[in-house]
Protein backbone atom coordinates (compact mmCIF):
# COMPACT_ATOMS: atom_id res chain seq x y z
CA MET A 1 0.61 -7.95 -1.29
CA SER A 2 1.00 -4.34 -1.54
CA TRP A 3 3.58 -1.97 -3.19
CA LYS A 4 5.20 -0.98 0.20
CA ASN A 5 5.46 -4.51 1.18
CA SER A 6 6.65 -6.03 -2.06
CA ARG A 7 9.57 -3.33 -2.05
CA ARG A 8 10.58 -4.44 1.44
CA PHE A 9 10.47 -7.89 0.25
CA ALA A 10 13.09 -7.19 -2.51
CA VAL A 11 15.38 -5.39 -0.33
CA SER A 12 15.34 -7.87 2.54
CA SER A 13 15.29 -11.15 0.69
CA LEU A 14 15.97 -10.97 -3.13
CA LEU A 15 18.93 -8.89 -3.46
CA PRO A 16 20.71 -10.81 -0.66
CA GLY A 17 19.58 -14.31 -1.65
CA ALA A 18 20.29 -13.60 -5.51
CA GLY A 19 23.53 -11.62 -4.79
CA ALA A 20 24.65 -14.42 -2.35
CA VAL A 21 24.43 -17.24 -5.19
CA LEU A 22 25.11 -15.15 -8.28
CA ASN A 23 28.12 -13.18 -7.07
CA MET A 24 29.74 -15.22 -3.91
CA MET A 25 28.98 -18.56 -5.06
CA GLN A 26 29.09 -18.42 -8.81
CA PRO A 27 27.95 -21.69 -9.37
CA ALA A 28 28.98 -23.71 -12.64
CA ALA A 29 25.85 -25.06 -14.36
CA GLU A 30 26.38 -28.92 -13.27
CA GLN A 31 26.37 -28.07 -9.36
CA SER A 32 23.75 -28.63 -7.31
CA ALA A 33 22.56 -25.73 -4.98
CA VAL A 34 20.82 -26.35 -1.18
CA TYR A 35 18.98 -23.73 0.46
CA GLY A 36 16.63 -22.96 3.23
CA VAL A 37 13.29 -22.12 2.01
CA ASP A 38 12.37 -18.84 3.83
CA GLY A 39 12.34 -15.68 1.40
CA VAL A 40 16.33 -15.27 0.86
CA GLY A 41 16.34 -19.00 0.36
CA LEU A 42 13.78 -18.80 -2.37
CA ALA A 43 15.49 -15.74 -3.98
CA GLY A 44 18.85 -17.85 -3.83
CA LEU A 45 16.84 -20.67 -5.69
CA MET A 46 15.52 -18.57 -8.53
CA ALA A 47 19.60 -17.12 -8.62
CA ALA A 48 20.70 -20.82 -9.01
CA ARG A 49 18.07 -21.84 -11.67
CA ILE A 50 18.90 -18.65 -13.28
CA ALA A 51 22.60 -19.68 -13.29
CA GLY A 52 21.73 -23.15 -14.62
CA CYS A 53 22.10 -25.53 -11.83
CA ASP A 54 20.59 -28.76 -12.02
CA PRO A 55 19.58 -30.41 -9.83
CA ILE A 56 18.55 -27.88 -7.29
CA ILE A 57 17.48 -29.23 -3.96
CA ALA A 58 15.72 -27.14 -1.60
CA VAL A 59 15.39 -28.17 2.32
CA ASP A 60 13.33 -26.72 4.89
CA ARG A 61 13.75 -27.88 8.42
CA LEU A 62 10.00 -26.62 9.74
CA PRO A 63 7.35 -29.05 8.78
CA VAL A 64 4.65 -28.51 6.07
CA GLY A 65 1.12 -27.51 7.74
């Protein structure tokens, strides 16, 4: 991934996904978190892990492959 693409990914996916979890949801350590598994969802999953959520359940509506 080039620097330009990684910067675009950070702005368009990581900040909104992590910000939604850490700033808006503010989950407790024992709560579960369920997300889609796109760029924003993966950022949200990482933020949920940082927040101490366990278990974390990821659901993607598209089939694998």
